[in-house]
Amino acid sequence: MVPNRMKQKLLSGQPAFGVSVMIPSPHVVDMVGRLGFDWVLIDCEHGSISLESVELMVMAAETAGVTPIARPPINSFESIGQLMDRGAMGVQVPHVNTADDARRAVEAVKYHPLGERGLAAGTRSAAYGYGMSMADYTERSNQETLVCVQLEESDAVANVNEIVQVEGVDVFFVGPSDLSQSLGYPGRPDAPEVRTAMDRAFVSVAAAGKVPGSAGSAAAIRGYMGQGVAYVYTHLATLLSSAAGTFFEEVNS
């Protein structure tokens, strides 16, 4: 099992930069790694990515030296387990509103005694059973896999002080888009009420000694990093738009 270099960076207090990919493309994942990003988010909630494509994208991530994190469509034992068995090094679980929701995510990612993830011989995540005993694999997996939960609704912000106490969660991601909608300002993450809720969540996560996360443009990420946010990513479409803007500025200047 390969080390989770992105998790190591986060635990050492360094930021880890990622790119969210919603389309089934190992080639894009390969490029993301070669461009110097630390990790890639394989988005199965909003994207069109099948389980077969997840596996190929994970393989591309390993080849390019970038950590593959997958977002399941829902917080369920089955959805999370299927992504983990494809070789994802962790999950970013959507719509976690209570401590029980967070505990359910941890139990789906971790093997006993930390969780109840289903254990099967011959899966790709276990290197097909080659070169490592199942006992050694489960121990390594529990050490290396990452659990990120998304706080993206008003209930999550209200319950944040309980949620951040859940053992086994590495990252608490504050989602600006869904949170803006939940608070009555859809598509307006800069609305004062939304910013206040996000700031409150960041402070609560940091006070608990955990890693805060969020996503957006380069300008948004700079602002988040000033608040101690270390798990950050931009979307592939945003990255391409920014690069295209720079390109046309340069060629037309």
Protein backbone atom coordinates (compact mmCIF):
# COMPACT_ATOMS: atom_id res chain seq x y z
CA MET A 1 0.00 0.00 0.00
CA VAL A 2 1.47 3.36 -1.04
CA PRO A 3 1.96 6.04 1.64
CA ASN A 4 -0.61 8.83 1.74
CA ARG A 5 1.74 11.75 1.12
CA MET A 6 -1.10 14.26 1.14
CA LYS A 7 -2.21 13.14 4.60
CA GLN A 8 1.38 13.36 5.80
CA LYS A 9 1.60 16.97 4.60
CA LEU A 10 -1.62 17.92 6.36
CA LEU A 11 -0.61 16.30 9.64
CA SER A 12 2.73 18.13 9.52
CA GLY A 13 0.92 21.47 9.24
CA GLN A 14 1.51 22.05 5.52
CA PRO A 15 -1.21 22.90 3.00
CA ALA A 16 -2.14 20.28 0.40
CA PHE A 17 -3.40 21.48 -2.97
CA GLY A 18 -5.84 19.47 -5.06
CA VAL A 19 -8.01 19.55 -8.15
CA SER A 20 -11.59 18.28 -8.34
CA VAL A 21 -12.34 16.18 -11.43
CA MET A 22 -15.94 15.33 -12.37
CA ILE A 23 -15.33 13.57 -15.69
CA PRO A 24 -14.06 10.00 -16.17
CA SER A 25 -10.52 10.71 -17.32
CA PRO A 26 -7.35 8.99 -16.08
CA HIS A 27 -5.43 11.31 -18.41
CA VAL A 28 -6.62 14.41 -16.55
CA VAL A 29 -5.59 12.82 -13.25
CA ASP A 30 -2.18 12.01 -14.73
CA MET A 31 -1.74 15.64 -15.80
CA VAL A 32 -2.85 16.95 -12.40
CA GLY A 33 -0.12 14.91 -10.75
CA ARG A 34 2.55 15.93 -13.23
CA LEU A 35 1.63 19.61 -12.77
CA GLY A 36 2.62 19.42 -9.12
CA PHE A 37 -0.67 19.11 -7.25
CA ASP A 38 -0.71 17.01 -4.08
CA TRP A 39 -4.03 15.28 -4.58
CA VAL A 40 -7.05 14.83 -6.81
CA LEU A 41 -10.71 14.68 -5.82
CA ILE A 42 -12.55 12.08 -7.90
CA ASP A 43 -16.08 13.46 -7.67
CA CYS A 44 -18.74 10.75 -7.84
CA GLU A 45 -21.40 12.99 -6.28
CA HIS A 46 -21.69 15.60 -9.01
CA GLY A 47 -19.76 13.96 -11.84
CA SER A 48 -20.35 11.17 -14.38
CA ILE A 49 -17.70 8.79 -13.04
CA SER A 50 -18.43 5.05 -12.80
CA LEU A 51 -16.72 2.63 -10.44
CA GLU A 52 -14.65 1.25 -13.32
CA SER A 53 -13.44 4.76 -14.12
CA VAL A 54 -12.67 5.43 -10.45
CA GLU A 55 -10.30 2.45 -10.47
CA LEU A 56 -8.52 3.66 -13.62
CA MET A 57 -8.26 7.20 -12.24
CA VAL A 58 -6.79 5.86 -8.99
CA MET A 59 -4.22 3.89 -10.98
CA ALA A 60 -3.33 7.05 -12.93
CA ALA A 61 -2.98 8.97 -9.66
CA GLU A 62 -0.58 6.40 -8.26
CA THR A 63 1.53 6.52 -11.42
CA ALA A 64 1.68 10.34 -11.33
CA GLY A 65 2.44 10.49 -7.59
CA VAL A 66 -0.77 12.29 -6.62
CA THR A 67 -3.07 11.13 -3.80
CA PRO A 68 -6.55 9.98 -4.96
CA ILE A 69 -9.46 11.04 -2.75
CA ALA A 70 -12.99 10.10 -3.82
CA ARG A 71 -16.29 11.81 -3.06
CA PRO A 72 -19.14 9.29 -2.76
CA PRO A 73 -22.62 10.26 -3.94
CA ILE A 74 -23.99 9.78 -0.41
CA ASN A 75 -22.77 8.97 3.08
CA SER A 76 -23.44 5.25 2.98
CA PHE A 77 -21.49 2.16 3.97
CA GLU A 78 -21.92 0.65 0.50
CA SER A 79 -20.97 3.74 -1.54
CA ILE A 80 -17.88 4.48 0.53
CA GLY A 81 -16.74 0.85 0.64
CA GLN A 82 -16.93 0.49 -3.14
CA LEU A 83 -14.69 3.54 -3.63
CA MET A 84 -12.21 2.41 -1.02
CA ASP A 85 -11.95 -1.05 -2.59
CA ARG A 86 -11.02 0.57 -5.90
CA GLY A 87 -7.91 1.94 -4.16
CA ALA A 88 -8.92 5.46 -3.13
CA MET A 89 -6.75 6.71 -0.28
CA GLY A 90 -9.68 8.42 1.39
CA VAL A 91 -13.08 9.97 0.93
CA GLN A 92 -14.67 13.39 1.15
CA VAL A 93 -18.16 12.62 2.42
CA PRO A 94 -20.98 15.06 1.54
CA HIS A 95 -23.75 16.43 3.76
CA VAL A 96 -22.46 15.52 7.21
CA ASN A 97 -24.72 17.38 9.62
CA THR A 98 -24.30 15.54 12.93
CA ALA A 99 -21.67 13.70 14.94
CA ASP A 100 -23.46 10.45 14.13
CA ASP A 101 -23.14 11.22 10.40
CA ALA A 102 -19.40 11.71 10.87
CA ARG A 103 -19.02 8.50 12.87
CA ARG A 104 -20.84 6.60 10.13
CA ALA A 105 -18.31 7.87 7.57
CA VAL A 106 -15.35 6.79 9.71
CA GLU A 107 -16.84 3.32 10.24
CA ALA A 108 -17.19 2.87 6.47
CA VAL A 109 -13.56 3.82 5.77
CA LYS A 110 -11.72 2.09 8.61
CA TYR A 111 -11.31 -1.57 9.45
CA HIS A 112 -11.80 -3.00 12.94
CA PRO A 113 -11.06 -1.80 15.61
CA LEU A 114 -11.51 1.74 14.19
CA GLY A 115 -14.48 0.92 11.99
CA GLU A 116 -16.50 -1.76 10.26
CA ARG A 117 -15.39 -1.54 6.63
CA GLY A 118 -15.96 -4.79 4.78
CA LEU A 119 -12.78 -6.85 4.44
CA ALA A 120 -12.29 -8.94 1.30
CA ALA A 121 -9.32 -10.79 -0.13
CA GLY A 122 -8.12 -9.91 -3.61
CA THR A 123 -9.28 -6.29 -3.83
CA ARG A 124 -7.08 -3.78 -5.59
CA SER A 125 -6.77 -1.67 -2.42
CA ALA A 126 -5.20 -4.73 -0.74
CA ALA A 127 -2.78 -5.23 -3.67
CA TYR A 128 -4.85 -8.29 -4.63
CA GLY A 129 -3.40 -10.05 -1.59
CA TYR A 130 0.14 -9.97 -3.00
CA GLY A 131 3.16 -9.25 -0.80
CA MET A 132 1.27 -8.38 2.39
CA SER A 133 -0.83 -10.30 4.88
CA MET A 134 -4.42 -9.24 5.40
CA ALA A 135 -3.60 -8.34 8.99
CA ASP A 136 -0.77 -6.05 7.90
CA TYR A 137 -2.94 -4.54 5.18
CA THR A 138 -5.78 -3.62 7.55
CA GLU A 139 -3.33 -1.94 9.93
CA ARG A 140 -1.64 0.00 7.12
CA SER A 141 -4.97 0.99 5.63
CA ASN A 142 -6.22 2.38 8.94
CA GLN A 143 -3.04 4.45 9.20
CA GLU A 144 -2.92 5.78 5.64
CA THR A 145 -6.54 6.39 4.64
CA LEU A 146 -8.04 9.84 5.12
CA VAL A 147 -11.55 10.77 6.21
CA CYS A 148 -12.87 14.20 5.24
CA VAL A 149 -16.44 15.21 6.09
CA GLN A 150 -18.29 18.08 4.45
CA LEU A 151 -20.00 20.71 6.59
CA GLU A 152 -22.25 22.34 4.03
CA GLU A 153 -25.62 22.97 5.63
CA SER A 154 -26.89 25.21 8.40
CA ASP A 155 -27.40 22.16 10.65
CA ALA A 156 -23.73 21.24 10.25
CA VAL A 157 -22.62 24.70 11.34
CA ALA A 158 -24.97 24.57 14.31
CA ASN A 159 -23.54 21.18 15.31
CA VAL A 160 -19.91 21.88 14.43
CA ASN A 161 -18.56 21.73 17.99
CA GLU A 162 -19.92 18.18 18.39
CA ILE A 163 -18.90 17.03 14.92
CA VAL A 164 -15.24 18.06 15.33
CA GLN A 165 -14.92 15.79 18.36
CA VAL A 166 -15.52 12.63 16.33
CA GLU A 167 -12.44 10.39 16.38
CA GLY A 168 -11.04 9.29 13.05
CA VAL A 169 -12.02 12.35 11.00
CA ASP A 170 -8.91 14.05 9.58
CA VAL A 171 -10.42 16.98 7.68
CA PHE A 172 -13.56 19.09 8.15
CA PHE A 173 -14.42 20.64 4.80
CA VAL A 174 -16.63 23.73 4.78
CA GLY A 175 -18.52 23.76 1.47
CA PRO A 176 -19.28 27.29 0.30
CA SER A 177 -21.77 26.43 -2.46
CA ASP A 178 -24.25 24.23 -0.61
CA LEU A 179 -23.84 26.26 2.56
CA SER A 180 -24.79 29.42 0.69
CA GLN A 181 -27.94 27.70 -0.51
CA SER A 182 -28.78 26.26 2.90
CA LEU A 183 -28.54 29.72 4.44
CA GLY A 184 -30.80 31.26 1.79
CA TYR A 185 -28.14 32.82 -0.47
CA PRO A 186 -27.69 30.30 -3.29
CA GLY A 187 -24.55 30.94 -5.31
CA ARG A 188 -23.47 33.82 -3.04
CA PRO A 189 -20.73 32.46 -0.77
CA ASP A 190 -19.53 36.02 -0.12
CA ALA A 191 -22.83 37.05 1.49
CA PRO A 192 -22.07 38.25 5.04
CA GLU A 193 -24.24 35.56 6.64
CA VAL A 194 -22.45 32.82 4.69
CA ARG A 195 -19.00 34.21 5.45
CA THR A 196 -19.86 34.41 9.15
CA ALA A 197 -20.99 30.77 9.18
CA MET A 198 -17.86 29.64 7.35
CA ASP A 199 -15.59 31.62 9.66
CA ARG A 200 -17.31 30.13 12.69
CA ALA A 201 -16.78 26.63 11.33
CA PHE A 202 -13.10 27.27 10.53
CA VAL A 203 -12.50 28.56 14.07
CA SER A 204 -14.22 25.55 15.65
CA VAL A 205 -12.23 23.08 13.56
CA ALA A 206 -8.92 24.77 14.30
CA ALA A 207 -9.75 25.03 18.03
CA ALA A 208 -10.27 21.26 18.10
CA GLY A 209 -6.79 20.77 16.62
CA LYS A 210 -8.19 19.39 13.36
CA VAL A 211 -7.60 20.33 9.71
CA PRO A 212 -10.07 22.74 8.04
CA GLY A 213 -10.75 22.50 4.31
CA SER A 214 -12.51 24.40 1.55
CA ALA A 215 -12.45 25.00 -2.19
CA GLY A 216 -12.62 27.76 -4.78
CA SER A 217 -10.60 29.97 -7.06
CA ALA A 218 -6.98 30.93 -6.38
CA ALA A 219 -8.15 34.19 -4.78
CA ALA A 220 -10.62 32.36 -2.55
CA ILE A 221 -8.01 29.81 -1.54
CA ARG A 222 -5.55 32.56 -0.60
CA GLY A 223 -8.17 33.95 1.75
CA TYR A 224 -8.94 30.54 3.25
CA MET A 225 -5.26 29.81 3.82
CA GLY A 226 -5.01 33.05 5.77
CA GLN A 227 -7.56 31.49 8.13
CA GLY A 228 -5.52 28.33 8.61
CA VAL A 229 -7.32 26.23 6.01
CA ALA A 230 -4.90 23.58 4.72
CA TYR A 231 -6.98 21.09 2.71
CA VAL A 232 -7.77 23.12 -0.40
CA TYR A 233 -8.69 22.45 -3.98
CA THR A 234 -9.91 24.12 -7.10
CA HIS A 235 -12.19 22.63 -9.75
CA LEU A 236 -10.87 21.48 -13.11
CA ALA A 237 -13.22 23.89 -14.92
CA THR A 238 -11.98 26.79 -12.77
CA LEU A 239 -8.35 25.84 -13.40
CA LEU A 240 -8.90 25.70 -17.16
CA SER A 241 -10.78 29.00 -17.15
CA SER A 242 -8.00 30.73 -15.25
CA ALA A 243 -5.30 29.29 -17.52
CA ALA A 244 -7.29 30.24 -20.63
CA GLY A 245 -7.67 33.79 -19.36
CA THR A 246 -3.92 34.07 -18.79
CA PHE A 247 -3.23 32.60 -22.23
CA PHE A 248 -5.45 35.07 -24.09
CA GLU A 249 -4.09 38.00 -22.07
CA GLU A 250 -0.56 37.04 -23.06
CA VAL A 251 -1.19 36.38 -26.73
CA ASN A 252 -3.28 39.54 -27.16
CA SER A 253 -1.01 41.89 -25.22
